[in-house]
Amino acid sequence: MKKKLQVLSISLALTSAASILHAEGNIHAGKQKSTSCANCHGEDGNSMVATFPKLAQQHSSYLERQLHAFKDGSRNDPMMSAMAQALTDEDIADISAYYATQKISENTLPVLEPADEDEKPADNKTIQTIIAQGSDLYRNGDLTSEVSACIACHGPFGEGNKPASFPALKSQHADYLIKTLTDFKSGSRSNNPENIMHMIAKKMTDEEIKAVSIRISMMK
């Protein structure tokens, strides 16, 4: 019961968030305009490099917000900022609409690297144990450390929330999710409403970040 209070608390905190209203872009035009994105994110938005995010099946509202953030400098990345500067508002809407219609690819079960010889047996967890830990954190959070449950904003299946521009997370690369949560934790990324993700991630251990990232990457 007390764990579920964490879900309720974050949900109530977000009820005042304004929904993002935007015009839907042109999917066909977006496909043509996305050719410059394909080298990193794949032709259909399914990147082959685990540190580059998959864009396929992502909410167009979220993609638009991020591209505008790269363009206006509120989110910093040398490569993406340069790419976004060349895009018009129409381009951003079209590209976002295209990727939103693509199906995200599934990930294979991660293989843990062999444990070091001096690693303690208790630290040598199986991948299923890690996924179970991540699943519990995703659904219930941790009341003791005040880590909010991911399910409150990102849905029971990692589907996100389009009207609120909360991203879909399911089947995203675990490596990218780990980097993203680590960046939120350190404060190097902060372009989210009321800095909510920083407030959550800063209370998470590296082990928790890894566990929940791997669990999310296995969601379908």
N, C-alpha and C. Protein backbone atom coordinates (compact mmCIF):
# COMPACT_ATOMS: atom_id res chain seq x y z
N MET A 1 0.83 -1.21 0.00
CA MET A 1 0.00 0.00 0.00
C MET A 1 0.86 1.26 0.00
N LYS A 2 1.90 1.27 0.87
CA LYS A 2 2.71 2.49 0.96
C LYS A 2 3.47 2.76 -0.32
N LYS A 3 3.85 1.68 -1.05
CA LYS A 3 4.55 1.89 -2.30
C LYS A 3 3.65 2.55 -3.32
N LYS A 4 2.36 2.17 -3.30
CA LYS A 4 1.43 2.73 -4.27
C LYS A 4 1.18 4.21 -4.03
N LEU A 5 1.44 4.68 -2.78
CA LEU A 5 1.29 6.09 -2.50
C LEU A 5 2.26 6.92 -3.32
N GLN A 6 3.41 6.30 -3.66
CA GLN A 6 4.40 7.01 -4.46
C GLN A 6 3.85 7.31 -5.85
N VAL A 7 3.11 6.34 -6.41
CA VAL A 7 2.49 6.54 -7.71
C VAL A 7 1.47 7.66 -7.64
N LEU A 8 0.66 7.65 -6.57
CA LEU A 8 -0.38 8.66 -6.41
C LEU A 8 0.21 10.05 -6.26
N SER A 9 1.29 10.16 -5.49
CA SER A 9 1.88 11.47 -5.23
C SER A 9 2.40 12.12 -6.49
N ILE A 10 3.08 11.36 -7.32
CA ILE A 10 3.63 11.95 -8.54
C ILE A 10 2.53 12.26 -9.53
N SER A 11 1.47 11.42 -9.53
CA SER A 11 0.34 11.67 -10.43
C SER A 11 -0.35 12.98 -10.07
N LEU A 12 -0.56 13.21 -8.77
CA LEU A 12 -1.20 14.44 -8.34
C LEU A 12 -0.34 15.64 -8.64
N ALA A 13 0.96 15.47 -8.54
CA ALA A 13 1.88 16.58 -8.81
C ALA A 13 1.84 17.02 -10.26
N LEU A 14 1.41 16.11 -11.11
CA LEU A 14 1.44 16.40 -12.54
C LEU A 14 0.10 16.83 -13.11
N THR A 15 -0.93 16.85 -12.27
CA THR A 15 -2.26 17.16 -12.79
C THR A 15 -2.36 18.60 -13.29
N SER A 16 -1.46 19.45 -12.81
CA SER A 16 -1.51 20.85 -13.25
C SER A 16 -0.71 21.10 -14.51
N ALA A 17 0.00 20.06 -15.00
CA ALA A 17 0.83 20.24 -16.21
C ALA A 17 -0.07 20.51 -17.42
N ALA A 18 0.29 21.49 -18.19
CA ALA A 18 -0.51 21.84 -19.37
C ALA A 18 -0.27 20.86 -20.50
N SER A 19 -1.34 20.50 -21.18
CA SER A 19 -1.21 19.63 -22.34
C SER A 19 -0.63 20.42 -23.50
N ILE A 20 0.11 19.73 -24.37
CA ILE A 20 0.73 20.37 -25.51
C ILE A 20 -0.18 20.22 -26.73
N LEU A 21 -0.60 21.36 -27.27
CA LEU A 21 -1.45 21.34 -28.45
C LEU A 21 -0.60 21.67 -29.66
N HIS A 22 -0.68 20.85 -30.70
CA HIS A 22 0.12 21.11 -31.88
C HIS A 22 -0.57 20.52 -33.10
N ALA A 23 -0.25 21.06 -34.23
CA ALA A 23 -0.81 20.55 -35.48
C ALA A 23 -0.01 19.34 -35.92
N GLU A 24 -0.71 18.32 -36.38
CA GLU A 24 -0.04 17.12 -36.84
C GLU A 24 0.72 17.42 -38.12
N GLY A 25 1.93 16.87 -38.22
CA GLY A 25 2.75 17.09 -39.40
C GLY A 25 2.37 16.17 -40.54
N ASN A 26 3.00 16.37 -41.66
CA ASN A 26 2.79 15.57 -42.86
C ASN A 26 3.74 14.38 -42.84
N ILE A 27 3.19 13.18 -42.75
CA ILE A 27 4.00 11.97 -42.60
C ILE A 27 4.87 11.72 -43.83
N HIS A 28 4.30 11.87 -45.01
CA HIS A 28 5.06 11.64 -46.24
C HIS A 28 6.22 12.63 -46.36
N ALA A 29 5.94 13.88 -46.08
CA ALA A 29 7.00 14.89 -46.12
C ALA A 29 8.05 14.60 -45.06
N GLY A 30 7.59 14.14 -43.90
CA GLY A 30 8.52 13.83 -42.82
C GLY A 30 9.48 12.72 -43.17
N LYS A 31 9.01 11.72 -43.92
CA LYS A 31 9.88 10.64 -44.35
C LYS A 31 11.00 11.17 -45.23
N GLN A 32 10.66 12.06 -46.14
CA GLN A 32 11.67 12.65 -47.02
C GLN A 32 12.66 13.51 -46.25
N LYS A 33 12.15 14.24 -45.29
CA LYS A 33 13.00 15.16 -44.53
C LYS A 33 13.86 14.44 -43.48
N SER A 34 13.52 13.21 -43.16
CA SER A 34 14.24 12.47 -42.11
C SER A 34 15.51 11.78 -42.61
N THR A 35 15.82 11.92 -43.89
CA THR A 35 16.99 11.22 -44.44
C THR A 35 18.28 11.60 -43.72
N SER A 36 18.37 12.84 -43.28
CA SER A 36 19.58 13.28 -42.58
C SER A 36 19.66 12.70 -41.16
N CYS A 37 18.56 12.17 -40.67
CA CYS A 37 18.53 11.59 -39.32
C CYS A 37 18.91 10.10 -39.34
N ALA A 38 18.83 9.49 -40.54
CA ALA A 38 18.95 8.04 -40.66
C ALA A 38 20.29 7.49 -40.23
N ASN A 39 21.37 8.24 -40.42
CA ASN A 39 22.69 7.73 -40.07
C ASN A 39 22.81 7.36 -38.60
N CYS A 40 22.15 8.11 -37.76
CA CYS A 40 22.21 7.84 -36.32
C CYS A 40 20.99 7.08 -35.80
N HIS A 41 19.83 7.41 -36.34
CA HIS A 41 18.58 6.88 -35.78
C HIS A 41 17.91 5.80 -36.63
N GLY A 42 18.52 5.46 -37.77
CA GLY A 42 17.94 4.44 -38.63
C GLY A 42 16.88 5.01 -39.55
N GLU A 43 16.69 4.38 -40.70
CA GLU A 43 15.72 4.89 -41.68
C GLU A 43 14.29 4.91 -41.14
N ASP A 44 13.99 3.94 -40.29
CA ASP A 44 12.64 3.87 -39.73
C ASP A 44 12.60 4.29 -38.26
N GLY A 45 13.68 4.92 -37.80
CA GLY A 45 13.72 5.38 -36.42
C GLY A 45 14.22 4.36 -35.43
N ASN A 46 14.68 3.21 -35.91
CA ASN A 46 15.23 2.19 -35.02
C ASN A 46 16.76 2.18 -35.15
N SER A 47 17.40 2.91 -34.28
CA SER A 47 18.85 3.05 -34.35
C SER A 47 19.53 1.71 -34.06
N MET A 48 20.65 1.50 -34.73
CA MET A 48 21.42 0.27 -34.55
C MET A 48 22.48 0.42 -33.47
N VAL A 49 22.74 1.65 -33.06
CA VAL A 49 23.74 1.93 -32.02
C VAL A 49 23.01 2.21 -30.71
N ALA A 50 23.36 1.48 -29.67
CA ALA A 50 22.59 1.51 -28.42
C ALA A 50 22.67 2.85 -27.68
N THR A 51 23.62 3.69 -28.02
CA THR A 51 23.71 4.99 -27.37
C THR A 51 22.91 6.07 -28.10
N PHE A 52 22.40 5.74 -29.29
CA PHE A 52 21.53 6.66 -30.02
C PHE A 52 20.08 6.19 -29.80
N PRO A 53 19.19 7.08 -29.41
CA PRO A 53 17.83 6.65 -29.08
C PRO A 53 17.03 6.19 -30.30
N LYS A 54 16.14 5.25 -30.07
CA LYS A 54 15.16 4.89 -31.08
C LYS A 54 14.09 5.99 -31.08
N LEU A 55 13.69 6.41 -32.26
CA LEU A 55 12.65 7.42 -32.41
C LEU A 55 11.33 6.83 -32.89
N ALA A 56 11.38 5.61 -33.39
CA ALA A 56 10.18 4.95 -33.91
C ALA A 56 9.12 4.81 -32.82
N GLN A 57 7.88 5.11 -33.18
CA GLN A 57 6.71 4.96 -32.31
C GLN A 57 6.73 5.92 -31.13
N GLN A 58 7.61 6.92 -31.18
CA GLN A 58 7.63 7.93 -30.13
C GLN A 58 6.53 8.95 -30.40
N HIS A 59 5.94 9.49 -29.36
CA HIS A 59 4.87 10.48 -29.54
C HIS A 59 5.41 11.70 -30.28
N SER A 60 4.67 12.14 -31.27
CA SER A 60 5.09 13.31 -32.05
C SER A 60 5.20 14.54 -31.16
N SER A 61 4.33 14.66 -30.17
CA SER A 61 4.38 15.82 -29.27
C SER A 61 5.70 15.88 -28.52
N TYR A 62 6.19 14.71 -28.10
CA TYR A 62 7.47 14.67 -27.38
C TYR A 62 8.64 14.97 -28.31
N LEU A 63 8.62 14.36 -29.50
CA LEU A 63 9.70 14.60 -30.46
C LEU A 63 9.77 16.07 -30.84
N GLU A 64 8.63 16.69 -31.05
CA GLU A 64 8.61 18.12 -31.38
C GLU A 64 9.21 18.94 -30.26
N ARG A 65 8.83 18.62 -29.04
CA ARG A 65 9.34 19.38 -27.90
C ARG A 65 10.86 19.28 -27.82
N GLN A 66 11.40 18.08 -28.04
CA GLN A 66 12.84 17.90 -27.93
C GLN A 66 13.59 18.60 -29.06
N LEU A 67 13.05 18.53 -30.28
CA LEU A 67 13.70 19.19 -31.40
C LEU A 67 13.69 20.71 -31.21
N HIS A 68 12.61 21.24 -30.71
CA HIS A 68 12.57 22.68 -30.43
C HIS A 68 13.55 23.03 -29.31
N ALA A 69 13.69 22.13 -28.34
CA ALA A 69 14.64 22.38 -27.24
C ALA A 69 16.08 22.40 -27.75
N PHE A 70 16.40 21.48 -28.66
CA PHE A 70 17.72 21.50 -29.27
C PHE A 70 17.93 22.79 -30.06
N LYS A 71 16.89 23.22 -30.74
CA LYS A 71 16.99 24.40 -31.60
C LYS A 71 17.16 25.68 -30.78
N ASP A 72 16.42 25.79 -29.66
CA ASP A 72 16.51 27.04 -28.88
C ASP A 72 17.59 26.99 -27.80
N GLY A 73 18.26 25.83 -27.68
CA GLY A 73 19.38 25.74 -26.75
C GLY A 73 19.03 25.31 -25.34
N SER A 74 17.76 25.04 -25.07
CA SER A 74 17.39 24.61 -23.72
C SER A 74 17.79 23.16 -23.46
N ARG A 75 18.08 22.43 -24.53
CA ARG A 75 18.69 21.10 -24.40
C ARG A 75 19.94 21.11 -25.26
N ASN A 76 21.05 20.70 -24.68
CA ASN A 76 22.33 20.85 -25.35
C ASN A 76 22.90 19.53 -25.84
N ASP A 77 23.26 19.50 -27.10
CA ASP A 77 24.01 18.42 -27.71
C ASP A 77 24.59 18.99 -29.00
N PRO A 78 25.90 19.01 -29.13
CA PRO A 78 26.52 19.67 -30.29
C PRO A 78 25.96 19.21 -31.63
N MET A 79 25.82 17.91 -31.80
CA MET A 79 25.34 17.38 -33.07
C MET A 79 23.87 17.70 -33.30
N MET A 80 23.03 17.40 -32.30
CA MET A 80 21.60 17.61 -32.47
C MET A 80 21.24 19.09 -32.54
N SER A 81 21.94 19.91 -31.80
CA SER A 81 21.67 21.34 -31.84
C SER A 81 21.94 21.90 -33.22
N ALA A 82 23.02 21.46 -33.83
CA ALA A 82 23.35 21.91 -35.19
C ALA A 82 22.32 21.43 -36.20
N MET A 83 21.87 20.19 -36.05
CA MET A 83 20.86 19.65 -36.96
C MET A 83 19.54 20.40 -36.82
N ALA A 84 19.14 20.67 -35.58
CA ALA A 84 17.85 21.31 -35.33
C ALA A 84 17.81 22.75 -35.81
N GLN A 85 18.96 23.42 -35.80
CA GLN A 85 19.00 24.81 -36.23
C GLN A 85 18.54 24.97 -37.68
N ALA A 86 18.77 23.93 -38.48
CA ALA A 86 18.42 24.01 -39.90
C ALA A 86 16.96 23.67 -40.17
N LEU A 87 16.21 23.28 -39.14
CA LEU A 87 14.83 22.85 -39.32
C LEU A 87 13.84 23.97 -39.06
N THR A 88 12.82 24.05 -39.90
CA THR A 88 11.72 24.98 -39.66
C THR A 88 10.72 24.30 -38.73
N ASP A 89 9.76 25.05 -38.23
CA ASP A 89 8.71 24.47 -37.39
C ASP A 89 7.95 23.40 -38.17
N GLU A 90 7.73 23.64 -39.45
CA GLU A 90 7.03 22.66 -40.29
C GLU A 90 7.86 21.40 -40.44
N ASP A 91 9.17 21.55 -40.64
CA ASP A 91 10.05 20.39 -40.73
C ASP A 91 9.98 19.54 -39.47
N ILE A 92 10.03 20.21 -38.34
CA ILE A 92 9.99 19.51 -37.05
C ILE A 92 8.69 18.73 -36.90
N ALA A 93 7.57 19.36 -37.26
CA ALA A 93 6.27 18.69 -37.16
C ALA A 93 6.20 17.50 -38.10
N ASP A 94 6.71 17.65 -39.30
CA ASP A 94 6.66 16.58 -40.30
C ASP A 94 7.53 15.38 -39.88
N ILE A 95 8.75 15.65 -39.48
CA ILE A 95 9.67 14.58 -39.07
C ILE A 95 9.12 13.84 -37.86
N SER A 96 8.59 14.58 -36.91
CA SER A 96 8.02 13.97 -35.70
C SER A 96 6.83 13.09 -36.04
N ALA A 97 5.98 13.56 -36.96
CA ALA A 97 4.82 12.78 -37.38
C ALA A 97 5.24 11.48 -38.05
N TYR A 98 6.29 11.55 -38.85
CA TYR A 98 6.77 10.34 -39.54
C TYR A 98 7.26 9.29 -38.55
N TYR A 99 8.13 9.68 -37.65
CA TYR A 99 8.68 8.71 -36.71
C TYR A 99 7.60 8.13 -35.79
N ALA A 100 6.60 8.93 -35.48
CA ALA A 100 5.53 8.46 -34.60
C ALA A 100 4.75 7.30 -35.22
N THR A 101 4.75 7.21 -36.55
CA THR A 101 3.99 6.16 -37.23
C THR A 101 4.80 4.88 -37.44
N GLN A 102 6.08 4.91 -37.12
CA GLN A 102 6.93 3.74 -37.32
C GLN A 102 6.88 2.81 -36.10
N LYS A 103 7.05 1.53 -36.33
CA LYS A 103 6.99 0.56 -35.24
C LYS A 103 8.38 0.37 -34.63
N ILE A 104 8.44 0.46 -33.32
CA ILE A 104 9.72 0.29 -32.64
C ILE A 104 10.13 -1.18 -32.63
N SER A 105 11.40 -1.42 -32.77
CA SER A 105 11.91 -2.79 -32.78
C SER A 105 12.10 -3.31 -31.36
N GLU A 106 12.02 -4.63 -31.21
CA GLU A 106 12.23 -5.24 -29.91
C GLU A 106 13.72 -5.46 -29.67
N ASN A 107 14.11 -5.50 -28.41
CA ASN A 107 15.50 -5.73 -28.04
C ASN A 107 15.70 -7.18 -27.61
N THR A 108 16.90 -7.67 -27.80
CA THR A 108 17.25 -8.99 -27.30
C THR A 108 17.63 -8.88 -25.83
N LEU A 109 17.50 -9.97 -25.11
CA LEU A 109 17.82 -9.98 -23.70
C LEU A 109 19.30 -9.66 -23.50
N PRO A 110 19.63 -8.67 -22.67
CA PRO A 110 21.04 -8.33 -22.48
C PRO A 110 21.83 -9.49 -21.88
N VAL A 111 23.09 -9.53 -22.23
CA VAL A 111 24.01 -10.53 -21.66
C VAL A 111 24.95 -9.81 -20.72
N LEU A 112 24.95 -10.20 -19.47
CA LEU A 112 25.80 -9.55 -18.49
C LEU A 112 27.25 -9.95 -18.71
N GLU A 113 28.15 -9.01 -18.51
CA GLU A 113 29.56 -9.30 -18.64
C GLU A 113 30.00 -10.20 -17.49
N PRO A 114 30.99 -11.07 -17.73
CA PRO A 114 31.46 -11.96 -16.67
C PRO A 114 31.90 -11.18 -15.45
N ALA A 115 31.62 -11.72 -14.29
CA ALA A 115 31.97 -11.05 -13.06
C ALA A 115 33.49 -11.06 -12.86
N ASP A 116 34.00 -10.02 -12.22
CA ASP A 116 35.42 -9.98 -11.89
C ASP A 116 35.72 -11.05 -10.85
N GLU A 117 36.95 -11.51 -10.83
CA GLU A 117 37.32 -12.58 -9.91
C GLU A 117 37.13 -12.16 -8.45
N ASP A 118 37.33 -10.88 -8.18
CA ASP A 118 37.22 -10.41 -6.79
C ASP A 118 35.84 -9.86 -6.46
N GLU A 119 34.88 -10.05 -7.37
CA GLU A 119 33.53 -9.56 -7.11
C GLU A 119 32.83 -10.44 -6.10
N LYS A 120 32.11 -9.81 -5.19
CA LYS A 120 31.40 -10.55 -4.16
C LYS A 120 30.24 -11.33 -4.79
N PRO A 121 29.98 -12.54 -4.33
CA PRO A 121 28.89 -13.35 -4.88
C PRO A 121 27.54 -12.62 -4.83
N ALA A 122 27.33 -11.83 -3.76
CA ALA A 122 26.05 -11.14 -3.61
C ALA A 122 25.83 -10.11 -4.70
N ASP A 123 26.94 -9.63 -5.29
CA ASP A 123 26.83 -8.61 -6.31
C ASP A 123 26.67 -9.20 -7.70
N ASN A 124 26.87 -10.51 -7.80
CA ASN A 124 26.83 -11.19 -9.10
C ASN A 124 25.40 -11.61 -9.41
N LYS A 125 24.57 -10.65 -9.82
CA LYS A 125 23.16 -10.91 -10.04
C LYS A 125 22.92 -11.46 -11.44
N THR A 126 21.86 -12.24 -11.56
CA THR A 126 21.46 -12.73 -12.88
C THR A 126 20.66 -11.65 -13.57
N ILE A 127 20.53 -11.75 -14.88
CA ILE A 127 19.78 -10.75 -15.63
C ILE A 127 18.31 -10.74 -15.22
N GLN A 128 17.76 -11.91 -14.88
CA GLN A 128 16.37 -11.97 -14.45
C GLN A 128 16.16 -11.28 -13.10
N THR A 129 17.15 -11.38 -12.22
CA THR A 129 17.08 -10.70 -10.93
C THR A 129 17.09 -9.19 -11.13
N ILE A 130 17.93 -8.73 -12.03
CA ILE A 130 18.03 -7.30 -12.33
C ILE A 130 16.72 -6.80 -12.93
N ILE A 131 16.15 -7.57 -13.85
CA ILE A 131 14.88 -7.18 -14.47
C ILE A 131 13.77 -7.12 -13.43
N ALA A 132 13.76 -8.06 -12.51
CA ALA A 132 12.73 -8.07 -11.46
C ALA A 132 12.87 -6.83 -10.56
N GLN A 133 14.11 -6.47 -10.25
CA GLN A 133 14.35 -5.27 -9.45
C GLN A 133 13.87 -4.03 -10.20
N GLY A 134 14.18 -3.98 -11.49
CA GLY A 134 13.75 -2.84 -12.30
C GLY A 134 12.24 -2.77 -12.44
N SER A 135 11.60 -3.92 -12.55
CA SER A 135 10.15 -3.97 -12.68
C SER A 135 9.47 -3.43 -11.42
N ASP A 136 9.99 -3.81 -10.27
CA ASP A 136 9.43 -3.34 -9.00
C ASP A 136 9.58 -1.82 -8.86
N LEU A 137 10.75 -1.32 -9.26
CA LEU A 137 10.99 0.11 -9.17
C LEU A 137 10.11 0.87 -10.15
N TYR A 138 9.96 0.32 -11.36
CA TYR A 138 9.13 0.97 -12.39
C TYR A 138 7.68 1.09 -11.91
N ARG A 139 7.16 0.03 -11.33
CA ARG A 139 5.75 0.00 -10.96
C ARG A 139 5.46 0.62 -9.60
N ASN A 140 6.37 0.46 -8.66
CA ASN A 140 6.09 0.86 -7.28
C ASN A 140 6.95 1.98 -6.75
N GLY A 141 8.06 2.26 -7.40
CA GLY A 141 8.98 3.25 -6.86
C GLY A 141 9.61 2.73 -5.58
N ASP A 142 10.17 3.63 -4.81
CA ASP A 142 10.78 3.27 -3.53
C ASP A 142 10.45 4.37 -2.53
N LEU A 143 9.50 4.09 -1.64
CA LEU A 143 9.04 5.10 -0.70
C LEU A 143 10.14 5.52 0.26
N THR A 144 11.00 4.56 0.61
CA THR A 144 12.07 4.85 1.57
C THR A 144 13.02 5.93 1.05
N SER A 145 13.43 5.78 -0.19
CA SER A 145 14.35 6.75 -0.79
C SER A 145 13.62 7.83 -1.59
N GLU A 146 12.29 7.80 -1.57
CA GLU A 146 11.43 8.78 -2.24
C GLU A 146 11.64 8.80 -3.75
N VAL A 147 11.87 7.63 -4.32
CA VAL A 147 11.97 7.50 -5.77
C VAL A 147 10.56 7.20 -6.30
N SER A 148 10.06 8.06 -7.15
CA SER A 148 8.70 7.89 -7.67
C SER A 148 8.62 6.77 -8.70
N ALA A 149 7.48 6.14 -8.78
CA ALA A 149 7.26 5.07 -9.74
C ALA A 149 7.17 5.64 -11.16
N CYS A 150 7.84 4.99 -12.09
CA CYS A 150 7.85 5.44 -13.50
C CYS A 150 6.47 5.33 -14.13
N ILE A 151 5.68 4.38 -13.64
CA ILE A 151 4.38 4.08 -14.22
C ILE A 151 3.45 5.29 -14.19
N ALA A 152 3.65 6.20 -13.23
CA ALA A 152 2.76 7.35 -13.07
C ALA A 152 2.75 8.24 -14.31
N CYS A 153 3.92 8.40 -14.93
CA CYS A 153 4.01 9.28 -16.10
C CYS A 153 4.14 8.51 -17.41
N HIS A 154 4.79 7.35 -17.35
CA HIS A 154 5.11 6.64 -18.58
C HIS A 154 4.22 5.43 -18.86
N GLY A 155 3.22 5.21 -17.99
CA GLY A 155 2.24 4.18 -18.26
C GLY A 155 2.68 2.79 -17.86
N PRO A 156 1.72 1.86 -17.68
CA PRO A 156 2.03 0.50 -17.23
C PRO A 156 2.88 -0.30 -18.20
N PHE A 157 2.85 0.06 -19.47
CA PHE A 157 3.61 -0.68 -20.48
C PHE A 157 4.67 0.17 -21.16
N GLY A 158 5.01 1.30 -20.53
CA GLY A 158 6.02 2.17 -21.11
C GLY A 158 5.53 2.94 -22.31
N GLU A 159 4.20 3.12 -22.42
CA GLU A 159 3.62 3.76 -23.59
C GLU A 159 3.64 5.28 -23.53
N GLY A 160 3.96 5.85 -22.38
CA GLY A 160 4.04 7.29 -22.25
C GLY A 160 2.68 7.96 -22.23
N ASN A 161 2.67 9.28 -22.43
CA ASN A 161 1.44 10.06 -22.40
C ASN A 161 1.55 11.15 -23.45
N LYS A 162 0.89 10.98 -24.58
CA LYS A 162 1.02 11.92 -25.69
C LYS A 162 0.54 13.33 -25.35
N PRO A 163 -0.67 13.52 -24.78
CA PRO A 163 -1.13 14.87 -24.49
C PRO A 163 -0.19 15.65 -23.58
N ALA A 164 0.43 14.95 -22.63
CA ALA A 164 1.34 15.61 -21.69
C ALA A 164 2.77 15.65 -22.20
N SER A 165 3.01 15.06 -23.37
CA SER A 165 4.35 14.98 -23.95
C SER A 165 5.33 14.19 -23.09
N PHE A 166 4.81 13.20 -22.35
CA PHE A 166 5.69 12.30 -21.62
C PHE A 166 6.07 11.17 -22.58
N PRO A 167 7.34 10.91 -22.76
CA PRO A 167 7.77 9.97 -23.81
C PRO A 167 7.40 8.52 -23.57
N ALA A 168 7.20 7.81 -24.66
CA ALA A 168 7.11 6.36 -24.60
C ALA A 168 8.52 5.84 -24.35
N LEU A 169 8.64 4.82 -23.51
CA LEU A 169 9.96 4.29 -23.16
C LEU A 169 10.16 2.84 -23.60
N LYS A 170 9.09 2.13 -23.85
CA LYS A 170 9.19 0.70 -24.14
C LYS A 170 10.13 0.41 -25.30
N SER A 171 10.91 -0.64 -25.14
CA SER A 171 11.85 -1.13 -26.16
C SER A 171 12.94 -0.13 -26.53
N GLN A 172 13.12 0.89 -25.70
CA GLN A 172 14.24 1.82 -25.94
C GLN A 172 15.54 1.11 -25.57
N HIS A 173 16.66 1.53 -26.15
CA HIS A 173 17.95 0.95 -25.80
C HIS A 173 18.26 1.17 -24.33
N ALA A 174 18.68 0.11 -23.64
CA ALA A 174 19.02 0.24 -22.23
C ALA A 174 20.18 1.20 -22.02
N ASP A 175 21.19 1.13 -22.90
CA ASP A 175 22.35 2.01 -22.76
C ASP A 175 21.95 3.48 -22.85
N TYR A 176 21.03 3.78 -23.76
CA TYR A 176 20.57 5.17 -23.89
C TYR A 176 19.78 5.59 -22.65
N LEU A 177 18.95 4.72 -22.13
CA LEU A 177 18.17 5.04 -20.94
C LEU A 177 19.09 5.27 -19.74
N ILE A 178 20.12 4.44 -19.61
CA ILE A 178 21.08 4.61 -18.52
C ILE A 178 21.76 5.98 -18.62
N LYS A 179 22.19 6.34 -19.82
CA LYS A 179 22.82 7.64 -20.02
C LYS A 179 21.86 8.78 -19.70
N THR A 180 20.62 8.64 -20.16
CA THR A 180 19.63 9.69 -19.94
C THR A 180 19.35 9.90 -18.46
N LEU A 181 19.12 8.82 -17.73
CA LEU A 181 18.86 8.93 -16.30
C LEU A 181 20.07 9.48 -15.56
N THR A 182 21.26 9.07 -15.99
CA THR A 182 22.49 9.58 -15.37
C THR A 182 22.64 11.07 -15.61
N ASP A 183 22.28 11.52 -16.83
CA ASP A 183 22.34 12.95 -17.14
C ASP A 183 21.32 13.74 -16.33
N PHE A 184 20.12 13.19 -16.16
CA PHE A 184 19.13 13.84 -15.31
C PHE A 184 19.64 13.90 -13.87
N LYS A 185 20.26 12.82 -13.43
CA LYS A 185 20.76 12.75 -12.05
C LYS A 185 21.82 13.80 -11.79
N SER A 186 22.73 13.97 -12.72
CA SER A 186 23.83 14.93 -12.54
C SER A 186 23.39 16.37 -12.79
N GLY A 187 22.24 16.52 -13.47
CA GLY A 187 21.76 17.86 -13.78
C GLY A 187 22.23 18.37 -15.12
N SER A 188 22.98 17.55 -15.84
CA SER A 188 23.46 17.99 -17.15
C SER A 188 22.33 18.03 -18.18
N ARG A 189 21.24 17.37 -17.87
CA ARG A 189 20.03 17.52 -18.68
C ARG A 189 18.89 17.93 -17.75
N SER A 190 18.20 18.97 -18.12
CA SER A 190 17.17 19.50 -17.22
C SER A 190 15.96 20.06 -17.94
N ASN A 191 15.83 19.78 -19.25
CA ASN A 191 14.72 20.36 -20.00
C ASN A 191 13.45 19.53 -19.89
N ASN A 192 12.94 19.39 -18.66
CA ASN A 192 11.66 18.70 -18.46
C ASN A 192 10.84 19.53 -17.48
N PRO A 193 9.50 19.44 -17.57
CA PRO A 193 8.64 20.29 -16.75
C PRO A 193 8.98 20.22 -15.26
N GLU A 194 9.22 21.39 -14.68
CA GLU A 194 9.50 21.52 -13.25
C GLU A 194 10.70 20.67 -12.80
N ASN A 195 11.54 20.30 -13.78
CA ASN A 195 12.75 19.51 -13.49
C ASN A 195 12.42 18.22 -12.72
N ILE A 196 11.29 17.63 -13.05
CA ILE A 196 10.82 16.44 -12.33
C ILE A 196 11.82 15.30 -12.42
N MET A 197 12.35 15.07 -13.62
CA MET A 197 13.24 13.92 -13.78
C MET A 197 14.53 14.06 -12.98
N HIS A 198 15.02 15.26 -12.81
CA HIS A 198 16.20 15.45 -11.96
C HIS A 198 15.86 15.13 -10.51
N MET A 199 14.70 15.57 -10.05
CA MET A 199 14.29 15.32 -8.67
C MET A 199 14.14 13.83 -8.39
N ILE A 200 13.75 13.07 -9.41
CA ILE A 200 13.61 11.62 -9.25
C ILE A 200 14.95 10.92 -9.37
N ALA A 201 15.67 11.22 -10.46
CA ALA A 201 16.91 10.50 -10.76
C ALA A 201 18.00 10.74 -9.73
N LYS A 202 18.04 11.92 -9.11
CA LYS A 202 19.11 12.21 -8.16
C LYS A 202 19.03 11.33 -6.91
N LYS A 203 17.86 10.72 -6.69
CA LYS A 203 17.68 9.85 -5.54
C LYS A 203 17.94 8.38 -5.88
N MET A 204 18.19 8.10 -7.16
CA MET A 204 18.40 6.73 -7.59
C MET A 204 19.88 6.35 -7.54
N THR A 205 20.14 5.12 -7.16
CA THR A 205 21.51 4.61 -7.19
C THR A 205 21.84 4.20 -8.63
N ASP A 206 23.12 4.04 -8.91
CA ASP A 206 23.52 3.57 -10.24
C ASP A 206 22.94 2.18 -10.51
N GLU A 207 22.84 1.37 -9.49
CA GLU A 207 22.27 0.03 -9.63
C GLU A 207 20.80 0.10 -10.02
N GLU A 208 20.07 1.01 -9.40
CA GLU A 208 18.65 1.18 -9.71
C GLU A 208 18.46 1.71 -11.14
N ILE A 209 19.31 2.64 -11.53
CA ILE A 209 19.24 3.18 -12.89
C ILE A 209 19.46 2.07 -13.91
N LYS A 210 20.44 1.22 -13.66
CA LYS A 210 20.72 0.12 -14.58
C LYS A 210 19.56 -0.86 -14.62
N ALA A 211 19.02 -1.21 -13.45
CA ALA A 211 17.94 -2.20 -13.38
C ALA A 211 16.68 -1.72 -14.09
N VAL A 212 16.26 -0.50 -13.82
CA VAL A 212 15.02 -0.02 -14.43
C VAL A 212 15.21 0.22 -15.93
N SER A 213 16.42 0.59 -16.35
CA SER A 213 16.68 0.79 -17.77
C SER A 213 16.60 -0.52 -18.54
N ILE A 214 17.19 -1.58 -17.96
CA ILE A 214 17.14 -2.88 -18.61
C ILE A 214 15.69 -3.39 -18.66
N ARG A 215 14.95 -3.19 -17.57
CA ARG A 215 13.55 -3.63 -17.56
C ARG A 215 12.74 -2.92 -18.65
N ILE A 216 12.90 -1.62 -18.76
CA ILE A 216 12.17 -0.85 -19.76
C ILE A 216 12.54 -1.30 -21.17
N SER A 217 13.81 -1.61 -21.37
CA SER A 217 14.26 -2.03 -22.71
C SER A 217 13.61 -3.34 -23.15
N MET A 218 13.12 -4.12 -22.18
CA MET A 218 12.47 -5.40 -22.48
C MET A 218 10.95 -5.27 -22.64
N MET A 219 10.40 -4.10 -22.37
CA MET A 219 8.96 -3.90 -22.53
C MET A 219 8.60 -3.89 -24.01
N LYS A 220 7.44 -4.46 -24.33
CA LYS A 220 7.00 -4.56 -25.73
C LYS A 220 5.62 -3.95 -25.89
